[in-house]
């Protein structure tokens, strides 16, 4: 990943988040990204919000700029320890649910539910970084990042010795504003980047007892993966 591409991706995400940053006070942004991130993990027990997601690959020979491969948007809810819902609404309906013991993937178009144990893969996943139970620093080194457009960035770099199969991303950027994560940059080993914008976040709210339960419709295909 070149410095030029890194700068371009930061610019894309910064413009995406302009409306959110514009209403944030300078005092709230003063704390560095690592401090804000650790306070979020320690103080926020649950939250809900919206997300938009873009998958981008670097420009190839003959191309002038990086290419957006796909876009999606939806809603998320999480509650510590280890529960979350990541629901894609557009361009297709899909739902990922974690309830501490299981990870469920529901695809409405296929009328299909896939379940698997949460396990170590979830513990080191991007979702667990923000929503999970494990200590992030067990899996990642926290590296101070730059401030750009009112967003305080930090980088999460996998600790030496972690298997690539457990950590699909070579590094992860987290953008903090006003004590909340507003952006994620997920870099894989092939140069592809996933940019996630989080917005309309409400923290420490009342959640129903069935928030993290899911029963597929009658006739749905159910697959269990061990």
C-alpha atoms as a PDB file:
ATOM      1  CA  UNK A   1       0.000   0.000   0.000  1.00  0.00           C
ATOM      2  CA  UNK A   2       1.663   3.234  -1.118  1.00  0.00           C
ATOM      3  CA  UNK A   3       1.659   6.484   0.809  1.00  0.00           C
ATOM      4  CA  UNK A   4      -0.277   8.036  -2.081  1.00  0.00           C
ATOM      5  CA  UNK A   5      -3.047   5.453  -1.777  1.00  0.00           C
ATOM      6  CA  UNK A   6      -3.108   5.763   2.023  1.00  0.00           C
ATOM      7  CA  UNK A   7      -3.576   9.519   1.670  1.00  0.00           C
ATOM      8  CA  UNK A   8      -6.322   9.066  -0.924  1.00  0.00           C
ATOM      9  CA  UNK A   9      -8.222   6.623   1.274  1.00  0.00           C
ATOM     10  CA  UNK A  10      -7.926   8.903   4.294  1.00  0.00           C
ATOM     11  CA  UNK A  11      -9.298  11.746   2.135  1.00  0.00           C
ATOM     12  CA  UNK A  12     -12.265   9.640   0.982  1.00  0.00           C
ATOM     13  CA  UNK A  13     -13.177   8.704   4.549  1.00  0.00           C
ATOM     14  CA  UNK A  14     -12.603  12.227   5.860  1.00  0.00           C
ATOM     15  CA  UNK A  15     -15.024  13.675   3.302  1.00  0.00           C
ATOM     16  CA  UNK A  16     -17.544  10.943   4.106  1.00  0.00           C
ATOM     17  CA  UNK A  17     -17.412  11.927   7.766  1.00  0.00           C
ATOM     18  CA  UNK A  18     -17.460  15.713   7.202  1.00  0.00           C
ATOM     19  CA  UNK A  19     -21.017  16.186   8.450  1.00  0.00           C
ATOM     20  CA  UNK A  20     -20.266  14.394  11.726  1.00  0.00           C
ATOM     21  CA  UNK A  21     -16.966  16.130  12.389  1.00  0.00           C
ATOM     22  CA  UNK A  22     -18.410  19.567  11.712  1.00  0.00           C
ATOM     23  CA  UNK A  23     -20.538  19.416  14.872  1.00  0.00           C
ATOM     24  CA  UNK A  24     -17.749  18.174  17.139  1.00  0.00           C
ATOM     25  CA  UNK A  25     -16.117  20.645  19.513  1.00  0.00           C
ATOM     26  CA  UNK A  26     -12.309  21.136  19.466  1.00  0.00           C
ATOM     27  CA  UNK A  27     -12.123  20.198  23.154  1.00  0.00           C
ATOM     28  CA  UNK A  28     -13.847  16.857  22.549  1.00  0.00           C
ATOM     29  CA  UNK A  29     -11.361  16.044  19.784  1.00  0.00           C
ATOM     30  CA  UNK A  30      -8.320  16.994  21.873  1.00  0.00           C
ATOM     31  CA  UNK A  31      -7.649  13.521  23.315  1.00  0.00           C
ATOM     32  CA  UNK A  32      -5.461  11.324  21.127  1.00  0.00           C
ATOM     33  CA  UNK A  33      -6.958   8.361  19.288  1.00  0.00           C
ATOM     34  CA  UNK A  34      -5.574   5.688  21.616  1.00  0.00           C
ATOM     35  CA  UNK A  35      -6.932   7.423  24.726  1.00  0.00           C
ATOM     36  CA  UNK A  36     -10.388   7.842  23.181  1.00  0.00           C
ATOM     37  CA  UNK A  37     -10.370   4.244  21.929  1.00  0.00           C
ATOM     38  CA  UNK A  38      -9.480   2.764  25.326  1.00  0.00           C
ATOM     39  CA  UNK A  39     -12.123   4.891  27.057  1.00  0.00           C
ATOM     40  CA  UNK A  40     -14.734   3.722  24.534  1.00  0.00           C
ATOM     41  CA  UNK A  41     -13.880   0.082  25.242  1.00  0.00           C
ATOM     42  CA  UNK A  42     -13.983   0.623  29.008  1.00  0.00           C
ATOM     43  CA  UNK A  43     -17.038   2.878  29.328  1.00  0.00           C
ATOM     44  CA  UNK A  44     -19.469   1.892  26.562  1.00  0.00           C
ATOM     45  CA  UNK A  45     -21.367  -1.285  27.442  1.00  0.00           C
ATOM     46  CA  UNK A  46     -23.677  -1.267  24.431  1.00  0.00           C
ATOM     47  CA  UNK A  47     -24.572   0.869  21.432  1.00  0.00           C
ATOM     48  CA  UNK A  48     -26.516   1.069  18.201  1.00  0.00           C
ATOM     49  CA  UNK A  49     -25.906   3.011  15.026  1.00  0.00           C
ATOM     50  CA  UNK A  50     -25.688   3.013  11.238  1.00  0.00           C
ATOM     51  CA  UNK A  51     -22.847   2.035   8.939  1.00  0.00           C
ATOM     52  CA  UNK A  52     -21.784   2.494   5.349  1.00  0.00           C
ATOM     53  CA  UNK A  53     -19.073   0.269   3.916  1.00  0.00           C
ATOM     54  CA  UNK A  54     -16.881   0.411   0.819  1.00  0.00           C
ATOM     55  CA  UNK A  55     -14.419  -2.173  -0.461  1.00  0.00           C
ATOM     56  CA  UNK A  56     -11.621  -0.546  -2.473  1.00  0.00           C
ATOM     57  CA  UNK A  57      -8.686  -1.980  -4.391  1.00  0.00           C
ATOM     58  CA  UNK A  58      -5.559  -0.067  -5.458  1.00  0.00           C
ATOM     59  CA  UNK A  59      -5.316   1.332  -8.982  1.00  0.00           C
ATOM     60  CA  UNK A  60      -3.939  -1.128 -11.508  1.00  0.00           C
ATOM     61  CA  UNK A  61      -1.732  -0.421 -14.507  1.00  0.00           C
ATOM     62  CA  UNK A  62      -3.461   2.107 -16.747  1.00  0.00           C
ATOM     63  CA  UNK A  63      -5.911   3.228 -14.042  1.00  0.00           C
ATOM     64  CA  UNK A  64      -5.699   6.705 -12.539  1.00  0.00           C
ATOM     65  CA  UNK A  65      -7.277   5.954  -9.171  1.00  0.00           C
ATOM     66  CA  UNK A  66      -8.373   3.240  -6.785  1.00  0.00           C
ATOM     67  CA  UNK A  67     -11.596   1.417  -7.661  1.00  0.00           C
ATOM     68  CA  UNK A  68     -14.618   0.909  -5.421  1.00  0.00           C
ATOM     69  CA  UNK A  69     -15.545  -2.774  -5.761  1.00  0.00           C
ATOM     70  CA  UNK A  70     -18.733  -2.734  -3.704  1.00  0.00           C
ATOM     71  CA  UNK A  71     -20.750  -0.595  -1.321  1.00  0.00           C
ATOM     72  CA  UNK A  72     -23.229  -1.514   1.396  1.00  0.00           C
ATOM     73  CA  UNK A  73     -25.099   0.117   4.254  1.00  0.00           C
ATOM     74  CA  UNK A  74     -27.127  -0.896   7.261  1.00  0.00           C
ATOM     75  CA  UNK A  75     -27.390  -0.894  11.047  1.00  0.00           C
ATOM     76  CA  UNK A  76     -25.486  -2.374  13.970  1.00  0.00           C
ATOM     77  CA  UNK A  77     -26.160  -3.111  17.641  1.00  0.00           C
ATOM     78  CA  UNK A  78     -23.737  -4.482  20.204  1.00  0.00           C
ATOM     79  CA  UNK A  79     -23.636  -5.357  23.871  1.00  0.00           C
ATOM     80  CA  UNK A  80     -20.650  -6.510  25.836  1.00  0.00           C
ATOM     81  CA  UNK A  81     -19.721  -9.222  26.453  1.00  0.00           C
ATOM     82  CA  UNK A  82     -19.607 -10.639  22.951  1.00  0.00           C
ATOM     83  CA  UNK A  83     -23.002  -9.829  21.456  1.00  0.00           C
ATOM     84  CA  UNK A  84     -23.679  -7.898  18.264  1.00  0.00           C
ATOM     85  CA  UNK A  85     -25.906  -7.603  15.203  1.00  0.00           C
ATOM     86  CA  UNK A  86     -24.458  -6.328  11.914  1.00  0.00           C
ATOM     87  CA  UNK A  87     -27.402  -5.954   9.523  1.00  0.00           C
ATOM     88  CA  UNK A  88     -26.871  -5.024   5.887  1.00  0.00           C
ATOM     89  CA  UNK A  89     -29.950  -3.437   4.280  1.00  0.00           C
ATOM     90  CA  UNK A  90     -28.591  -2.330   0.876  1.00  0.00           C
ATOM     91  CA  UNK A  91     -27.838  -3.530  -1.775  1.00  0.00           C
ATOM     92  CA  UNK A  92     -29.011  -6.855  -0.290  1.00  0.00           C
ATOM     93  CA  UNK A  93     -30.381  -7.970   3.064  1.00  0.00           C
ATOM     94  CA  UNK A  94     -28.013  -9.958   5.220  1.00  0.00           C
ATOM     95  CA  UNK A  95     -27.554 -10.223   8.964  1.00  0.00           C
ATOM     96  CA  UNK A  96     -24.623 -11.346  11.113  1.00  0.00           C
ATOM     97  CA  UNK A  97     -25.449 -12.104  14.761  1.00  0.00           C
ATOM     98  CA  UNK A  98     -23.105 -13.027  17.594  1.00  0.00           C
ATOM     99  CA  UNK A  99     -24.570 -14.148  20.923  1.00  0.00           C
ATOM    100  CA  UNK A 100     -21.395 -15.082  22.836  1.00  0.00           C
ATOM    101  CA  UNK A 101     -21.581 -18.781  21.896  1.00  0.00           C
ATOM    102  CA  UNK A 102     -22.561 -18.737  18.218  1.00  0.00           C
ATOM    103  CA  UNK A 103     -21.987 -16.692  15.096  1.00  0.00           C
ATOM    104  CA  UNK A 104     -24.989 -16.699  12.763  1.00  0.00           C
ATOM    105  CA  UNK A 105     -25.144 -15.512   9.151  1.00  0.00           C
ATOM    106  CA  UNK A 106     -28.605 -14.974   7.673  1.00  0.00           C
ATOM    107  CA  UNK A 107     -29.024 -14.372   3.928  1.00  0.00           C
ATOM    108  CA  UNK A 108     -32.569 -13.344   3.083  1.00  0.00           C
ATOM    109  CA  UNK A 109     -32.254 -13.790  -0.699  1.00  0.00           C
ATOM    110  CA  UNK A 110     -30.966 -17.350  -0.284  1.00  0.00           C
ATOM    111  CA  UNK A 111     -33.342 -18.051   2.630  1.00  0.00           C
ATOM    112  CA  UNK A 112     -30.309 -19.551   4.336  1.00  0.00           C
ATOM    113  CA  UNK A 113     -28.890 -19.511   7.870  1.00  0.00           C
ATOM    114  CA  UNK A 114     -25.315 -20.587   8.595  1.00  0.00           C
ATOM    115  CA  UNK A 115     -24.179 -21.081  12.195  1.00  0.00           C
ATOM    116  CA  UNK A 116     -20.751 -21.695  13.680  1.00  0.00           C
ATOM    117  CA  UNK A 117     -19.120 -21.464  17.114  1.00  0.00           C
ATOM    118  CA  UNK A 118     -17.901 -17.956  17.861  1.00  0.00           C
ATOM    119  CA  UNK A 119     -14.438 -19.211  18.776  1.00  0.00           C
ATOM    120  CA  UNK A 120     -11.038 -17.626  18.284  1.00  0.00           C
ATOM    121  CA  UNK A 121     -11.814 -16.314  14.795  1.00  0.00           C
ATOM    122  CA  UNK A 122     -14.407 -13.960  16.254  1.00  0.00           C
ATOM    123  CA  UNK A 123     -12.141 -12.937  19.122  1.00  0.00           C
ATOM    124  CA  UNK A 124      -9.582 -11.488  16.709  1.00  0.00           C
ATOM    125  CA  UNK A 125     -12.041 -10.135  14.123  1.00  0.00           C
ATOM    126  CA  UNK A 126     -12.767  -6.458  13.385  1.00  0.00           C
ATOM    127  CA  UNK A 127     -16.178  -6.809  15.051  1.00  0.00           C
ATOM    128  CA  UNK A 128     -14.569  -7.965  18.290  1.00  0.00           C
ATOM    129  CA  UNK A 129     -12.218  -4.988  18.243  1.00  0.00           C
ATOM    130  CA  UNK A 130     -15.141  -2.681  18.940  1.00  0.00           C
ATOM    131  CA  UNK A 131     -17.803  -5.022  20.316  1.00  0.00           C
ATOM    132  CA  UNK A 132     -16.088  -8.034  21.823  1.00  0.00           C
ATOM    133  CA  UNK A 133     -14.935  -9.303  25.176  1.00  0.00           C
ATOM    134  CA  UNK A 134     -11.229  -9.888  24.721  1.00  0.00           C
ATOM    135  CA  UNK A 135      -8.523  -7.368  25.439  1.00  0.00           C
ATOM    136  CA  UNK A 136      -7.602  -5.779  22.117  1.00  0.00           C
ATOM    137  CA  UNK A 137      -3.976  -5.526  23.190  1.00  0.00           C
ATOM    138  CA  UNK A 138      -3.819  -9.342  23.437  1.00  0.00           C
ATOM    139  CA  UNK A 139      -4.010  -9.402  19.643  1.00  0.00           C
ATOM    140  CA  UNK A 140      -2.802  -5.992  18.467  1.00  0.00           C
ATOM    141  CA  UNK A 141      -0.208  -3.334  19.149  1.00  0.00           C
ATOM    142  CA  UNK A 142      -1.808   0.124  19.377  1.00  0.00           C
ATOM    143  CA  UNK A 143       0.092   2.724  17.362  1.00  0.00           C
ATOM    144  CA  UNK A 144      -0.690   6.473  17.497  1.00  0.00           C
ATOM    145  CA  UNK A 145      -1.936   7.864  14.189  1.00  0.00           C
ATOM    146  CA  UNK A 146      -2.405  11.281  12.693  1.00  0.00           C
ATOM    147  CA  UNK A 147      -5.204  13.786  13.141  1.00  0.00           C
ATOM    148  CA  UNK A 148      -7.026  14.510   9.897  1.00  0.00           C
ATOM    149  CA  UNK A 149     -10.154  16.563   9.403  1.00  0.00           C
ATOM    150  CA  UNK A 150     -10.956  16.481  13.118  1.00  0.00           C
ATOM    151  CA  UNK A 151     -10.616  12.691  13.283  1.00  0.00           C
ATOM    152  CA  UNK A 152      -8.024  11.220  15.661  1.00  0.00           C
ATOM    153  CA  UNK A 153      -6.584   8.024  14.177  1.00  0.00           C
ATOM    154  CA  UNK A 154      -4.820   5.041  15.676  1.00  0.00           C
ATOM    155  CA  UNK A 155      -3.494   1.901  14.039  1.00  0.00           C
ATOM    156  CA  UNK A 156      -3.956  -1.659  15.274  1.00  0.00           C
ATOM    157  CA  UNK A 157      -1.142  -3.878  14.059  1.00  0.00           C
ATOM    158  CA  UNK A 158      -1.343  -7.655  14.663  1.00  0.00           C
ATOM    159  CA  UNK A 159       1.184  -8.833  17.217  1.00  0.00           C
ATOM    160  CA  UNK A 160       4.106 -10.880  15.952  1.00  0.00           C
ATOM    161  CA  UNK A 161       3.360 -14.593  15.890  1.00  0.00           C
ATOM    162  CA  UNK A 162      -0.369 -14.308  15.184  1.00  0.00           C
ATOM    163  CA  UNK A 163      -1.445 -16.623  12.382  1.00  0.00           C
ATOM    164  CA  UNK A 164      -2.694 -14.969   9.211  1.00  0.00           C
ATOM    165  CA  UNK A 165      -5.649 -17.363   9.229  1.00  0.00           C
ATOM    166  CA  UNK A 166      -6.726 -15.875  12.557  1.00  0.00           C
ATOM    167  CA  UNK A 167      -6.097 -12.278  11.493  1.00  0.00           C
ATOM    168  CA  UNK A 168      -7.325 -11.684   7.934  1.00  0.00           C
ATOM    169  CA  UNK A 169      -6.252  -8.030   8.002  1.00  0.00           C
ATOM    170  CA  UNK A 170      -2.621  -6.931   8.044  1.00  0.00           C
ATOM    171  CA  UNK A 171      -3.507  -3.738   9.893  1.00  0.00           C
ATOM    172  CA  UNK A 172      -6.554  -1.796  10.992  1.00  0.00           C
ATOM    173  CA  UNK A 173      -7.075   1.941  11.335  1.00  0.00           C
ATOM    174  CA  UNK A 174      -9.647   3.319  13.781  1.00  0.00           C
ATOM    175  CA  UNK A 175     -10.840   6.925  13.621  1.00  0.00           C
ATOM    176  CA  UNK A 176     -12.173   8.493  16.831  1.00  0.00           C
ATOM    177  CA  UNK A 177     -14.284  11.636  17.277  1.00  0.00           C
ATOM    178  CA  UNK A 178     -15.776  12.825  20.552  1.00  0.00           C
ATOM    179  CA  UNK A 179     -14.996   9.505  22.245  1.00  0.00           C
ATOM    180  CA  UNK A 180     -16.718   7.389  19.583  1.00  0.00           C
ATOM    181  CA  UNK A 181     -15.373   5.329  16.665  1.00  0.00           C
ATOM    182  CA  UNK A 182     -16.536   6.925  13.421  1.00  0.00           C
ATOM    183  CA  UNK A 183     -14.350   5.128  10.901  1.00  0.00           C
ATOM    184  CA  UNK A 184     -12.494   1.867  10.313  1.00  0.00           C
ATOM    185  CA  UNK A 185      -9.875   1.097   7.662  1.00  0.00           C
ATOM    186  CA  UNK A 186      -9.259  -2.638   7.194  1.00  0.00           C
ATOM    187  CA  UNK A 187      -6.194  -3.508   5.077  1.00  0.00           C
ATOM    188  CA  UNK A 188      -5.685  -7.067   3.859  1.00  0.00           C
ATOM    189  CA  UNK A 189      -2.503  -8.666   2.555  1.00  0.00           C
ATOM    190  CA  UNK A 190      -3.491  -8.123  -1.092  1.00  0.00           C
ATOM    191  CA  UNK A 191      -3.809  -4.337  -0.983  1.00  0.00           C
ATOM    192  CA  UNK A 192      -7.604  -4.271  -0.755  1.00  0.00           C
ATOM    193  CA  UNK A 193      -9.080  -1.900   1.815  1.00  0.00           C
ATOM    194  CA  UNK A 194     -12.502  -1.886   3.481  1.00  0.00           C
ATOM    195  CA  UNK A 195     -13.628   1.549   4.660  1.00  0.00           C
ATOM    196  CA  UNK A 196     -16.439   1.645   7.237  1.00  0.00           C
ATOM    197  CA  UNK A 197     -18.192   4.817   8.356  1.00  0.00           C
ATOM    198  CA  UNK A 198     -20.148   4.594  11.640  1.00  0.00           C
ATOM    199  CA  UNK A 199     -22.810   7.220  12.384  1.00  0.00           C
ATOM    200  CA  UNK A 200     -25.878   8.021  14.510  1.00  0.00           C
ATOM    201  CA  UNK A 201     -24.290   6.131  17.416  1.00  0.00           C
ATOM    202  CA  UNK A 202     -26.291   5.865  20.651  1.00  0.00           C
ATOM    203  CA  UNK A 203     -24.468   4.415  23.651  1.00  0.00           C
ATOM    204  CA  UNK A 204     -25.457   2.674  26.901  1.00  0.00           C
ATOM    205  CA  UNK A 205     -29.086   2.272  25.885  1.00  0.00           C
ATOM    206  CA  UNK A 206     -31.869  -0.103  26.916  1.00  0.00           C
ATOM    207  CA  UNK A 207     -31.983  -3.229  24.729  1.00  0.00           C
ATOM    208  CA  UNK A 208     -34.689  -5.890  24.589  1.00  0.00           C
ATOM    209  CA  UNK A 209     -33.999  -9.443  25.736  1.00  0.00           C
ATOM    210  CA  UNK A 210     -34.541 -10.751  22.189  1.00  0.00           C
ATOM    211  CA  UNK A 211     -32.174  -8.295  20.475  1.00  0.00           C
ATOM    212  CA  UNK A 212     -29.530 -10.946  19.796  1.00  0.00           C
ATOM    213  CA  UNK A 213     -31.883 -13.852  19.117  1.00  0.00           C
ATOM    214  CA  UNK A 214     -32.811 -14.991  15.616  1.00  0.00           C
ATOM    215  CA  UNK A 215     -35.217 -17.644  14.367  1.00  0.00           C
ATOM    216  CA  UNK A 216     -35.167 -18.322  10.614  1.00  0.00           C
ATOM    217  CA  UNK A 217     -38.443 -18.472   8.693  1.00  0.00           C
ATOM    218  CA  UNK A 218     -40.119 -21.813   8.126  1.00  0.00           C
ATOM    219  CA  UNK A 219     -38.543 -23.612   5.188  1.00  0.00           C
ATOM    220  CA  UNK A 220     -35.159 -21.905   5.457  1.00  0.00           C
ATOM    221  CA  UNK A 221     -32.000 -23.927   4.882  1.00  0.00           C
ATOM    222  CA  UNK A 222     -29.861 -24.194   8.026  1.00  0.00           C
ATOM    223  CA  UNK A 223     -26.192 -25.171   7.902  1.00  0.00           C
ATOM    224  CA  UNK A 224     -23.967 -25.792  10.910  1.00  0.00           C
ATOM    225  CA  UNK A 225     -20.222 -25.292  10.518  1.00  0.00           C
ATOM    226  CA  UNK A 226     -17.847 -26.595  13.197  1.00  0.00           C
END
